């Protein structure tokens, strides 16, 4: 008798089980590269006025043309200097929101693939309890059915859940939940709260955020900036959590993930040490974390 293509007795995990995760990791790497290139590009604008001045002196353009170019270059250079001084608050806010979206997509898309490719998933209690009109359900295409079920499970399972618990509640349905190191769990919780503040309160520090993340310094009504250090830890925590998910998939298919688990433990320790350093009193960091609006 041939083994079922989804059987854990097969050697290695099926491609569909890791394809969506690989895509998410590629998307996150591209996001990181866009961040680095954008920082460099903005910083480079500070030198453009000098270039225009040299061209004005030795070029063949008219004084009026160079005057307009220099005025525009100076304004852009001033703006760039402000962004560099304040550690790219606008860029980092966009990157934070995008990174959270990639993490959500990674987990959701993996579970959609699980339903599409593993028939036994449709027999799970939580899946069987999903309410849907049969006529509507059978009118959907295969992928639409899987997506619909995951969306309904999100409605049923995620109410009141925050941080890592949002993902673990969904993964638990399919027996892919498990232990998450405290440093990873704490950092992803902070990451989500910062993302929500950016998306829903225009990055302004408020009472709800202060209650959720009392360790993040700031004053009510001020603009909270995501510093490079903060963003680096959000990337690190996200990547560690995805590695944890990969390990769970590997273990299901009897793959030895011990070396990866060792790397995760080491990464979690490094994340915890960065967290403790951040909490040390450092008055000069207040300006990096918050600034007045306007």
C-alpha atoms as a PDB file:
ATOM      1  CA  UNK A   1       0.000   0.000   0.000  1.00  0.00           C
ATOM      2  CA  UNK A   2       1.304   3.475  -0.875  1.00  0.00           C
ATOM      3  CA  UNK A   3       1.576   6.101   1.832  1.00  0.00           C
ATOM      4  CA  UNK A   4      -0.788   9.053   1.699  1.00  0.00           C
ATOM      5  CA  UNK A   5       1.018  12.171   0.404  1.00  0.00           C
ATOM      6  CA  UNK A   6       0.193  13.947   3.686  1.00  0.00           C
ATOM      7  CA  UNK A   7       1.260  11.094   5.963  1.00  0.00           C
ATOM      8  CA  UNK A   8       3.876  11.928   8.622  1.00  0.00           C
ATOM      9  CA  UNK A   9       5.600   8.669   7.709  1.00  0.00           C
ATOM     10  CA  UNK A  10       6.771  10.173   4.426  1.00  0.00           C
ATOM     11  CA  UNK A  11      10.316  11.567   4.335  1.00  0.00           C
ATOM     12  CA  UNK A  12      10.251  15.323   4.538  1.00  0.00           C
ATOM     13  CA  UNK A  13       7.393  17.775   4.603  1.00  0.00           C
ATOM     14  CA  UNK A  14       5.294  18.275   1.449  1.00  0.00           C
ATOM     15  CA  UNK A  15       6.168  21.368  -0.580  1.00  0.00           C
ATOM     16  CA  UNK A  16       2.757  22.948  -0.020  1.00  0.00           C
ATOM     17  CA  UNK A  17       3.345  22.940   3.755  1.00  0.00           C
ATOM     18  CA  UNK A  18       6.313  25.300   3.510  1.00  0.00           C
ATOM     19  CA  UNK A  19       5.723  27.108   0.205  1.00  0.00           C
ATOM     20  CA  UNK A  20       3.556  29.861   1.708  1.00  0.00           C
ATOM     21  CA  UNK A  21       5.995  30.343   4.584  1.00  0.00           C
ATOM     22  CA  UNK A  22       8.922  30.651   2.199  1.00  0.00           C
ATOM     23  CA  UNK A  23       6.967  33.252   0.246  1.00  0.00           C
ATOM     24  CA  UNK A  24       6.324  35.223   3.427  1.00  0.00           C
ATOM     25  CA  UNK A  25      10.006  35.103   4.393  1.00  0.00           C
ATOM     26  CA  UNK A  26      10.943  36.340   0.918  1.00  0.00           C
ATOM     27  CA  UNK A  27       8.407  39.174   1.258  1.00  0.00           C
ATOM     28  CA  UNK A  28       9.845  40.142   4.649  1.00  0.00           C
ATOM     29  CA  UNK A  29      13.378  40.142   3.281  1.00  0.00           C
ATOM     30  CA  UNK A  30      12.265  42.408   0.456  1.00  0.00           C
ATOM     31  CA  UNK A  31      10.592  44.691   3.002  1.00  0.00           C
ATOM     32  CA  UNK A  32      13.845  44.855   4.986  1.00  0.00           C
ATOM     33  CA  UNK A  33      15.803  45.710   1.827  1.00  0.00           C
ATOM     34  CA  UNK A  34      13.304  48.435   0.896  1.00  0.00           C
ATOM     35  CA  UNK A  35      13.784  49.879   4.391  1.00  0.00           C
ATOM     36  CA  UNK A  36      17.589  49.964   4.048  1.00  0.00           C
ATOM     37  CA  UNK A  37      17.510  51.439   0.531  1.00  0.00           C
ATOM     38  CA  UNK A  38      14.937  54.056   1.575  1.00  0.00           C
ATOM     39  CA  UNK A  39      17.045  55.140   4.555  1.00  0.00           C
ATOM     40  CA  UNK A  40      20.098  55.474   2.327  1.00  0.00           C
ATOM     41  CA  UNK A  41      18.166  57.352  -0.352  1.00  0.00           C
ATOM     42  CA  UNK A  42      16.657  59.830   2.099  1.00  0.00           C
ATOM     43  CA  UNK A  43      20.038  60.404   3.766  1.00  0.00           C
ATOM     44  CA  UNK A  44      21.702  60.976   0.370  1.00  0.00           C
ATOM     45  CA  UNK A  45      19.351  63.885  -0.368  1.00  0.00           C
ATOM     46  CA  UNK A  46      21.261  65.942   2.190  1.00  0.00           C
ATOM     47  CA  UNK A  47      24.193  66.228  -0.218  1.00  0.00           C
ATOM     48  CA  UNK A  48      22.245  67.341  -3.289  1.00  0.00           C
ATOM     49  CA  UNK A  49      22.426  71.135  -2.589  1.00  0.00           C
ATOM     50  CA  UNK A  50      26.238  70.935  -2.724  1.00  0.00           C
ATOM     51  CA  UNK A  51      26.019  69.205  -6.098  1.00  0.00           C
ATOM     52  CA  UNK A  52      23.668  71.898  -7.439  1.00  0.00           C
ATOM     53  CA  UNK A  53      26.020  74.623  -6.179  1.00  0.00           C
ATOM     54  CA  UNK A  54      28.929  73.044  -8.045  1.00  0.00           C
ATOM     55  CA  UNK A  55      26.839  72.753 -11.222  1.00  0.00           C
ATOM     56  CA  UNK A  56      25.724  76.355 -10.789  1.00  0.00           C
ATOM     57  CA  UNK A  57      29.357  77.437 -10.744  1.00  0.00           C
ATOM     58  CA  UNK A  58      30.678  75.278 -13.553  1.00  0.00           C
ATOM     59  CA  UNK A  59      27.598  74.138 -15.512  1.00  0.00           C
ATOM     60  CA  UNK A  60      26.011  75.652 -18.615  1.00  0.00           C
ATOM     61  CA  UNK A  61      22.502  76.242 -17.234  1.00  0.00           C
ATOM     62  CA  UNK A  62      20.951  79.643 -16.603  1.00  0.00           C
ATOM     63  CA  UNK A  63      21.174  81.249 -13.129  1.00  0.00           C
ATOM     64  CA  UNK A  64      17.378  81.133 -12.871  1.00  0.00           C
ATOM     65  CA  UNK A  65      17.314  77.380 -13.553  1.00  0.00           C
ATOM     66  CA  UNK A  66      19.962  76.691 -10.932  1.00  0.00           C
ATOM     67  CA  UNK A  67      18.216  78.968  -8.446  1.00  0.00           C
ATOM     68  CA  UNK A  68      14.999  76.923  -8.735  1.00  0.00           C
ATOM     69  CA  UNK A  69      16.933  73.637  -8.515  1.00  0.00           C
ATOM     70  CA  UNK A  70      18.866  74.803  -5.481  1.00  0.00           C
ATOM     71  CA  UNK A  71      15.729  75.954  -3.684  1.00  0.00           C
ATOM     72  CA  UNK A  72      14.038  72.602  -4.244  1.00  0.00           C
ATOM     73  CA  UNK A  73      17.185  70.650  -3.312  1.00  0.00           C
ATOM     74  CA  UNK A  74      17.600  72.670  -0.108  1.00  0.00           C
ATOM     75  CA  UNK A  75      14.019  72.015   0.969  1.00  0.00           C
ATOM     76  CA  UNK A  76      14.420  68.285   0.304  1.00  0.00           C
ATOM     77  CA  UNK A  77      17.759  68.251   2.129  1.00  0.00           C
ATOM     78  CA  UNK A  78      16.197  69.938   5.172  1.00  0.00           C
ATOM     79  CA  UNK A  79      13.390  67.394   5.139  1.00  0.00           C
ATOM     80  CA  UNK A  80      15.876  64.544   4.796  1.00  0.00           C
ATOM     81  CA  UNK A  81      17.932  65.864   7.711  1.00  0.00           C
ATOM     82  CA  UNK A  82      14.823  65.983   9.869  1.00  0.00           C
ATOM     83  CA  UNK A  83      13.970  62.379   8.976  1.00  0.00           C
ATOM     84  CA  UNK A  84      17.520  61.216   9.717  1.00  0.00           C
ATOM     85  CA  UNK A  85      17.648  63.123  13.021  1.00  0.00           C
ATOM     86  CA  UNK A  86      14.288  61.711  14.129  1.00  0.00           C
ATOM     87  CA  UNK A  87      15.256  58.193  12.907  1.00  0.00           C
ATOM     88  CA  UNK A  88      12.873  57.921   9.960  1.00  0.00           C
ATOM     89  CA  UNK A  89       9.547  57.973  11.862  1.00  0.00           C
ATOM     90  CA  UNK A  90       7.300  57.895   8.781  1.00  0.00           C
ATOM     91  CA  UNK A  91       9.240  55.167   6.986  1.00  0.00           C
ATOM     92  CA  UNK A  92       9.477  53.016  10.108  1.00  0.00           C
ATOM     93  CA  UNK A  93       5.759  53.375  10.787  1.00  0.00           C
ATOM     94  CA  UNK A  94       4.942  52.102   7.299  1.00  0.00           C
ATOM     95  CA  UNK A  95       7.406  49.239   7.650  1.00  0.00           C
ATOM     96  CA  UNK A  96       5.908  48.267  11.030  1.00  0.00           C
ATOM     97  CA  UNK A  97       2.384  48.047   9.623  1.00  0.00           C
ATOM     98  CA  UNK A  98       3.580  46.121   6.553  1.00  0.00           C
ATOM     99  CA  UNK A  99       5.608  43.651   8.640  1.00  0.00           C
ATOM    100  CA  UNK A 100       2.593  42.823  10.824  1.00  0.00           C
ATOM    101  CA  UNK A 101       0.527  42.232   7.686  1.00  0.00           C
ATOM    102  CA  UNK A 102       3.173  39.806   6.416  1.00  0.00           C
ATOM    103  CA  UNK A 103       3.080  37.891   9.714  1.00  0.00           C
ATOM    104  CA  UNK A 104      -0.713  37.631   9.633  1.00  0.00           C
ATOM    105  CA  UNK A 105      -0.615  36.524   6.006  1.00  0.00           C
ATOM    106  CA  UNK A 106       2.059  33.906   6.746  1.00  0.00           C
ATOM    107  CA  UNK A 107      -0.040  32.098   9.359  1.00  0.00           C
ATOM    108  CA  UNK A 108      -3.334  32.485   7.504  1.00  0.00           C
ATOM    109  CA  UNK A 109      -1.934  31.334   4.175  1.00  0.00           C
ATOM    110  CA  UNK A 110      -0.290  28.284   5.755  1.00  0.00           C
ATOM    111  CA  UNK A 111      -3.601  27.225   7.272  1.00  0.00           C
ATOM    112  CA  UNK A 112      -5.434  27.792   3.996  1.00  0.00           C
ATOM    113  CA  UNK A 113      -2.878  25.504   2.337  1.00  0.00           C
ATOM    114  CA  UNK A 114      -3.427  22.983   5.138  1.00  0.00           C
ATOM    115  CA  UNK A 115      -7.137  22.810   4.343  1.00  0.00           C
ATOM    116  CA  UNK A 116      -6.555  22.657   0.588  1.00  0.00           C
ATOM    117  CA  UNK A 117      -4.040  19.823   0.750  1.00  0.00           C
ATOM    118  CA  UNK A 118      -4.839  17.744   3.843  1.00  0.00           C
ATOM    119  CA  UNK A 119      -8.355  16.203   3.661  1.00  0.00           C
ATOM    120  CA  UNK A 120      -8.206  15.176   7.332  1.00  0.00           C
ATOM    121  CA  UNK A 121      -8.284  18.871   8.299  1.00  0.00           C
ATOM    122  CA  UNK A 122     -11.925  19.062   7.229  1.00  0.00           C
ATOM    123  CA  UNK A 123     -12.836  16.518   9.909  1.00  0.00           C
ATOM    124  CA  UNK A 124     -11.560  18.631  12.818  1.00  0.00           C
ATOM    125  CA  UNK A 125     -14.224  19.653  15.352  1.00  0.00           C
ATOM    126  CA  UNK A 126     -13.758  23.416  14.957  1.00  0.00           C
ATOM    127  CA  UNK A 127     -13.897  23.146  11.173  1.00  0.00           C
ATOM    128  CA  UNK A 128     -17.033  21.021  11.273  1.00  0.00           C
ATOM    129  CA  UNK A 129     -18.700  23.647  13.485  1.00  0.00           C
ATOM    130  CA  UNK A 130     -18.237  26.476  10.979  1.00  0.00           C
ATOM    131  CA  UNK A 131     -21.661  27.812   9.988  1.00  0.00           C
ATOM    132  CA  UNK A 132     -22.287  28.172   6.268  1.00  0.00           C
ATOM    133  CA  UNK A 133     -25.159  27.638   3.856  1.00  0.00           C
ATOM    134  CA  UNK A 134     -24.462  24.513   1.801  1.00  0.00           C
ATOM    135  CA  UNK A 135     -25.542  26.174  -1.429  1.00  0.00           C
ATOM    136  CA  UNK A 136     -23.096  29.038  -0.850  1.00  0.00           C
ATOM    137  CA  UNK A 137     -20.323  26.673   0.170  1.00  0.00           C
ATOM    138  CA  UNK A 138     -20.581  24.405  -2.862  1.00  0.00           C
ATOM    139  CA  UNK A 139     -20.757  27.427  -5.155  1.00  0.00           C
ATOM    140  CA  UNK A 140     -17.253  28.388  -4.008  1.00  0.00           C
ATOM    141  CA  UNK A 141     -14.063  27.206  -5.663  1.00  0.00           C
ATOM    142  CA  UNK A 142     -11.743  24.953  -3.664  1.00  0.00           C
ATOM    143  CA  UNK A 143      -9.399  27.761  -2.561  1.00  0.00           C
ATOM    144  CA  UNK A 144     -12.344  30.025  -1.739  1.00  0.00           C
ATOM    145  CA  UNK A 145     -13.762  27.344   0.575  1.00  0.00           C
ATOM    146  CA  UNK A 146     -10.493  27.063   2.478  1.00  0.00           C
ATOM    147  CA  UNK A 147     -10.183  30.827   2.763  1.00  0.00           C
ATOM    148  CA  UNK A 148     -13.790  31.142   3.930  1.00  0.00           C
ATOM    149  CA  UNK A 149     -13.284  28.557   6.696  1.00  0.00           C
ATOM    150  CA  UNK A 150     -10.136  30.273   7.985  1.00  0.00           C
ATOM    151  CA  UNK A 151     -11.912  33.643   7.976  1.00  0.00           C
ATOM    152  CA  UNK A 152     -14.802  32.162   9.985  1.00  0.00           C
ATOM    153  CA  UNK A 153     -12.384  30.544  12.431  1.00  0.00           C
ATOM    154  CA  UNK A 154     -10.726  33.935  12.901  1.00  0.00           C
ATOM    155  CA  UNK A 155     -14.107  35.408  13.826  1.00  0.00           C
ATOM    156  CA  UNK A 156     -14.846  32.538  16.225  1.00  0.00           C
ATOM    157  CA  UNK A 157     -11.437  32.123  17.842  1.00  0.00           C
ATOM    158  CA  UNK A 158      -9.720  35.518  17.916  1.00  0.00           C
ATOM    159  CA  UNK A 159     -12.130  37.675  19.887  1.00  0.00           C
ATOM    160  CA  UNK A 160     -10.177  39.316  22.716  1.00  0.00           C
ATOM    161  CA  UNK A 161      -6.908  37.666  21.664  1.00  0.00           C
ATOM    162  CA  UNK A 162      -3.770  39.788  21.377  1.00  0.00           C
ATOM    163  CA  UNK A 163      -0.207  39.303  20.211  1.00  0.00           C
ATOM    164  CA  UNK A 164       0.970  35.758  19.659  1.00  0.00           C
ATOM    165  CA  UNK A 165      -2.251  34.333  21.105  1.00  0.00           C
ATOM    166  CA  UNK A 166      -4.092  35.380  17.946  1.00  0.00           C
ATOM    167  CA  UNK A 167      -1.954  33.058  15.873  1.00  0.00           C
ATOM    168  CA  UNK A 168      -1.745  30.276  18.428  1.00  0.00           C
ATOM    169  CA  UNK A 169      -5.553  30.115  18.726  1.00  0.00           C
ATOM    170  CA  UNK A 170      -5.834  29.393  15.000  1.00  0.00           C
ATOM    171  CA  UNK A 171      -2.868  27.031  14.894  1.00  0.00           C
ATOM    172  CA  UNK A 172      -4.294  25.069  17.810  1.00  0.00           C
ATOM    173  CA  UNK A 173      -7.293  24.078  15.682  1.00  0.00           C
ATOM    174  CA  UNK A 174      -4.928  22.212  13.357  1.00  0.00           C
ATOM    175  CA  UNK A 175      -2.588  20.893  16.100  1.00  0.00           C
ATOM    176  CA  UNK A 176       0.231  23.298  15.204  1.00  0.00           C
ATOM    177  CA  UNK A 177       0.284  25.357  18.423  1.00  0.00           C
ATOM    178  CA  UNK A 178       2.915  24.973  21.109  1.00  0.00           C
ATOM    179  CA  UNK A 179       5.457  26.663  23.340  1.00  0.00           C
ATOM    180  CA  UNK A 180       6.715  30.136  22.419  1.00  0.00           C
ATOM    181  CA  UNK A 181       9.658  31.661  24.360  1.00  0.00           C
ATOM    182  CA  UNK A 182       8.572  34.510  26.610  1.00  0.00           C
ATOM    183  CA  UNK A 183      10.864  37.053  24.946  1.00  0.00           C
ATOM    184  CA  UNK A 184       9.343  36.296  21.528  1.00  0.00           C
ATOM    185  CA  UNK A 185       5.819  36.386  22.922  1.00  0.00           C
ATOM    186  CA  UNK A 186       6.403  39.694  24.736  1.00  0.00           C
ATOM    187  CA  UNK A 187       8.049  41.378  21.769  1.00  0.00           C
ATOM    188  CA  UNK A 188       5.333  40.359  19.302  1.00  0.00           C
ATOM    189  CA  UNK A 189       2.731  41.649  21.753  1.00  0.00           C
ATOM    190  CA  UNK A 190       4.493  45.032  21.852  1.00  0.00           C
ATOM    191  CA  UNK A 191       4.864  44.919  18.063  1.00  0.00           C
ATOM    192  CA  UNK A 192       1.114  44.446  17.632  1.00  0.00           C
ATOM    193  CA  UNK A 193       0.269  47.262  20.049  1.00  0.00           C
ATOM    194  CA  UNK A 194       2.629  49.641  18.248  1.00  0.00           C
ATOM    195  CA  UNK A 195       1.139  48.599  14.920  1.00  0.00           C
ATOM    196  CA  UNK A 196      -2.371  49.278  16.222  1.00  0.00           C
ATOM    197  CA  UNK A 197      -1.316  52.686  17.536  1.00  0.00           C
ATOM    198  CA  UNK A 198       0.080  53.602  14.114  1.00  0.00           C
ATOM    199  CA  UNK A 199      -2.904  52.263  12.164  1.00  0.00           C
ATOM    200  CA  UNK A 200      -5.721  53.426  14.421  1.00  0.00           C
ATOM    201  CA  UNK A 201      -4.405  56.477  16.307  1.00  0.00           C
ATOM    202  CA  UNK A 202      -1.995  58.048  13.818  1.00  0.00           C
ATOM    203  CA  UNK A 203       0.988  57.022  15.988  1.00  0.00           C
ATOM    204  CA  UNK A 204      -0.194  59.193  18.904  1.00  0.00           C
ATOM    205  CA  UNK A 205       0.518  57.899  22.402  1.00  0.00           C
ATOM    206  CA  UNK A 206      -2.761  57.319  24.282  1.00  0.00           C
ATOM    207  CA  UNK A 207      -4.090  55.895  27.533  1.00  0.00           C
ATOM    208  CA  UNK A 208      -4.880  52.469  26.061  1.00  0.00           C
ATOM    209  CA  UNK A 209      -1.364  52.035  24.720  1.00  0.00           C
ATOM    210  CA  UNK A 210       0.187  53.217  27.990  1.00  0.00           C
ATOM    211  CA  UNK A 211      -1.833  50.560  29.820  1.00  0.00           C
ATOM    212  CA  UNK A 212      -0.882  47.862  27.309  1.00  0.00           C
ATOM    213  CA  UNK A 213       2.844  48.705  27.098  1.00  0.00           C
ATOM    214  CA  UNK A 214       3.893  50.667  30.209  1.00  0.00           C
ATOM    215  CA  UNK A 215       7.575  49.948  29.479  1.00  0.00           C
ATOM    216  CA  UNK A 216       7.505  52.056  26.291  1.00  0.00           C
ATOM    217  CA  UNK A 217       8.294  55.647  27.212  1.00  0.00           C
ATOM    218  CA  UNK A 218       6.043  58.453  26.018  1.00  0.00           C
ATOM    219  CA  UNK A 219       3.472  61.079  26.943  1.00  0.00           C
ATOM    220  CA  UNK A 220      -0.194  61.286  26.021  1.00  0.00           C
ATOM    221  CA  UNK A 221      -0.799  62.964  22.668  1.00  0.00           C
ATOM    222  CA  UNK A 222       2.799  62.851  21.501  1.00  0.00           C
ATOM    223  CA  UNK A 223       3.910  61.118  18.314  1.00  0.00           C
ATOM    224  CA  UNK A 224       5.628  57.820  19.101  1.00  0.00           C
ATOM    225  CA  UNK A 225       8.476  56.945  16.751  1.00  0.00           C
ATOM    226  CA  UNK A 226       9.545  53.407  15.948  1.00  0.00           C
ATOM    227  CA  UNK A 227      13.323  53.555  16.357  1.00  0.00           C
ATOM    228  CA  UNK A 228      15.707  51.379  14.319  1.00  0.00           C
ATOM    229  CA  UNK A 229      16.376  49.328  17.463  1.00  0.00           C
ATOM    230  CA  UNK A 230      12.665  48.699  18.004  1.00  0.00           C
ATOM    231  CA  UNK A 231      12.104  47.744  14.373  1.00  0.00           C
ATOM    232  CA  UNK A 232      15.083  45.381  14.397  1.00  0.00           C
ATOM    233  CA  UNK A 233      13.604  43.524  17.378  1.00  0.00           C
ATOM    234  CA  UNK A 234      10.215  43.292  15.648  1.00  0.00           C
ATOM    235  CA  UNK A 235      11.869  41.722  12.605  1.00  0.00           C
ATOM    236  CA  UNK A 236      13.846  39.369  14.858  1.00  0.00           C
ATOM    237  CA  UNK A 237      10.772  38.275  16.870  1.00  0.00           C
ATOM    238  CA  UNK A 238       8.718  37.760  13.707  1.00  0.00           C
ATOM    239  CA  UNK A 239      11.411  35.636  12.085  1.00  0.00           C
ATOM    240  CA  UNK A 240      11.863  33.584  15.270  1.00  0.00           C
ATOM    241  CA  UNK A 241       8.139  32.884  15.441  1.00  0.00           C
ATOM    242  CA  UNK A 242       8.086  31.768  11.817  1.00  0.00           C
ATOM    243  CA  UNK A 243      11.046  29.489  12.570  1.00  0.00           C
ATOM    244  CA  UNK A 244       9.027  28.027  15.442  1.00  0.00           C
ATOM    245  CA  UNK A 245       6.171  27.318  13.038  1.00  0.00           C
ATOM    246  CA  UNK A 246       8.592  25.678  10.599  1.00  0.00           C
ATOM    247  CA  UNK A 247       9.855  23.451  13.427  1.00  0.00           C
ATOM    248  CA  UNK A 248       6.321  22.379  14.285  1.00  0.00           C
ATOM    249  CA  UNK A 249       5.699  21.469  10.658  1.00  0.00           C
ATOM    250  CA  UNK A 250       8.963  19.558  10.498  1.00  0.00           C
ATOM    251  CA  UNK A 251       8.228  17.634  13.679  1.00  0.00           C
ATOM    252  CA  UNK A 252       4.834  16.600  12.306  1.00  0.00           C
ATOM    253  CA  UNK A 253       6.629  14.959   9.413  1.00  0.00           C
ATOM    254  CA  UNK A 254       9.290  13.341  11.642  1.00  0.00           C
ATOM    255  CA  UNK A 255      12.115  15.677  10.650  1.00  0.00           C
ATOM    256  CA  UNK A 256      14.911  16.275  13.161  1.00  0.00           C
ATOM    257  CA  UNK A 257      14.601  19.996  13.982  1.00  0.00           C
ATOM    258  CA  UNK A 258      16.980  19.981  16.978  1.00  0.00           C
ATOM    259  CA  UNK A 259      19.556  22.302  15.383  1.00  0.00           C
ATOM    260  CA  UNK A 260      16.858  24.826  14.447  1.00  0.00           C
ATOM    261  CA  UNK A 261      15.408  24.648  17.950  1.00  0.00           C
ATOM    262  CA  UNK A 262      18.871  25.450  19.314  1.00  0.00           C
ATOM    263  CA  UNK A 263      19.047  28.500  17.035  1.00  0.00           C
ATOM    264  CA  UNK A 264      15.602  29.602  18.208  1.00  0.00           C
ATOM    265  CA  UNK A 265      16.605  29.314  21.867  1.00  0.00           C
ATOM    266  CA  UNK A 266      19.745  31.357  21.198  1.00  0.00           C
ATOM    267  CA  UNK A 267      17.762  33.976  19.287  1.00  0.00           C
ATOM    268  CA  UNK A 268      15.178  34.201  22.081  1.00  0.00           C
ATOM    269  CA  UNK A 269      17.959  34.796  24.626  1.00  0.00           C
ATOM    270  CA  UNK A 270      19.407  37.585  22.468  1.00  0.00           C
ATOM    271  CA  UNK A 271      15.955  39.129  22.144  1.00  0.00           C
ATOM    272  CA  UNK A 272      15.512  39.023  25.929  1.00  0.00           C
ATOM    273  CA  UNK A 273      18.875  40.742  26.462  1.00  0.00           C
ATOM    274  CA  UNK A 274      17.964  43.534  24.038  1.00  0.00           C
ATOM    275  CA  UNK A 275      14.669  43.970  25.875  1.00  0.00           C
ATOM    276  CA  UNK A 276      16.351  44.331  29.259  1.00  0.00           C
ATOM    277  CA  UNK A 277      18.862  46.852  27.867  1.00  0.00           C
ATOM    278  CA  UNK A 278      16.039  48.935  26.443  1.00  0.00           C
ATOM    279  CA  UNK A 279      14.321  49.149  29.810  1.00  0.00           C
ATOM    280  CA  UNK A 280      17.354  50.727  31.518  1.00  0.00           C
ATOM    281  CA  UNK A 281      16.842  54.408  32.333  1.00  0.00           C
ATOM    282  CA  UNK A 282      18.085  56.464  29.398  1.00  0.00           C
ATOM    283  CA  UNK A 283      16.569  59.982  29.398  1.00  0.00           C
ATOM    284  CA  UNK A 284      18.113  60.876  26.027  1.00  0.00           C
ATOM    285  CA  UNK A 285      16.053  58.141  24.378  1.00  0.00           C
ATOM    286  CA  UNK A 286      12.772  59.883  25.150  1.00  0.00           C
ATOM    287  CA  UNK A 287      13.277  62.167  22.164  1.00  0.00           C
ATOM    288  CA  UNK A 288      13.927  59.201  19.944  1.00  0.00           C
ATOM    289  CA  UNK A 289      10.722  57.526  21.044  1.00  0.00           C
ATOM    290  CA  UNK A 290       8.385  60.502  21.015  1.00  0.00           C
ATOM    291  CA  UNK A 291       8.134  63.904  19.381  1.00  0.00           C
ATOM    292  CA  UNK A 292       5.588  66.662  19.229  1.00  0.00           C
ATOM    293  CA  UNK A 293       3.189  66.659  16.317  1.00  0.00           C
ATOM    294  CA  UNK A 294       3.122  69.366  13.721  1.00  0.00           C
END
